[in-house]
Amino acid sequence: MTSAAPVELGGILLSRQSLVSTAIGVALAGAVYLVLYRTALGRVMRAGADNARGAAIAGIAVGRVQLLTFILGGALAGVAGLMLLNGAGLMFSSAVPLTITSLGAAILFGLEKPLHAFWGGLIIGVIEALSAGFASSSLATLLPLLFIFAVLATKSLRGTDVAGGRA
């Protein structure tokens, strides 16, 4: 998408593609927030997620709402995949570490509030970038997973329900 020289921000070189991807991610996260918390569709989605039987009794077509939610989630995942492919490229073997860290961010941070997954992914991305720049390759692979484990351990020590009350 963009092949111009990198931008320096506070002594850190950032590619223009990273800045574009970050802007798109922030815009989509804002759009998800607005849809979920400022529209009737979002209210219906949250009602169906909290109590599907109660929402059905209230007259909400829960099956249709779930289908629409699934389609919107797939579209967001498709946009994320395109940004990743355009920015970093992908190979067949790169899917496993990417899946583990992405699911870790989504599950550990995203079950409490919808936008927590975005912030969790951003934090894990920063940890991955810093560890790739300052640590050996094996340690750089390990540090994001250790961070996920630390979050999981602190949530269980605090008595916070790690699965968001759904397991």
Foldseek 3Di string as FASTA:
>chain_A
DDDDAFDADPNDTDRVLVVVLVVVLVVVLVVVCCCLPPDPLNVLLVVCVVPVVVSVVVPRPSVVSVVVVVVVVVVVVVVVVVSCCVPPNDDPVVPVLVVVLLVLLCQQQPLQDNCRSVVSSVVLVVLLVVCVVPHDPVVSSVVSVVVSVVSVVVCVVVVHDSRNPPD
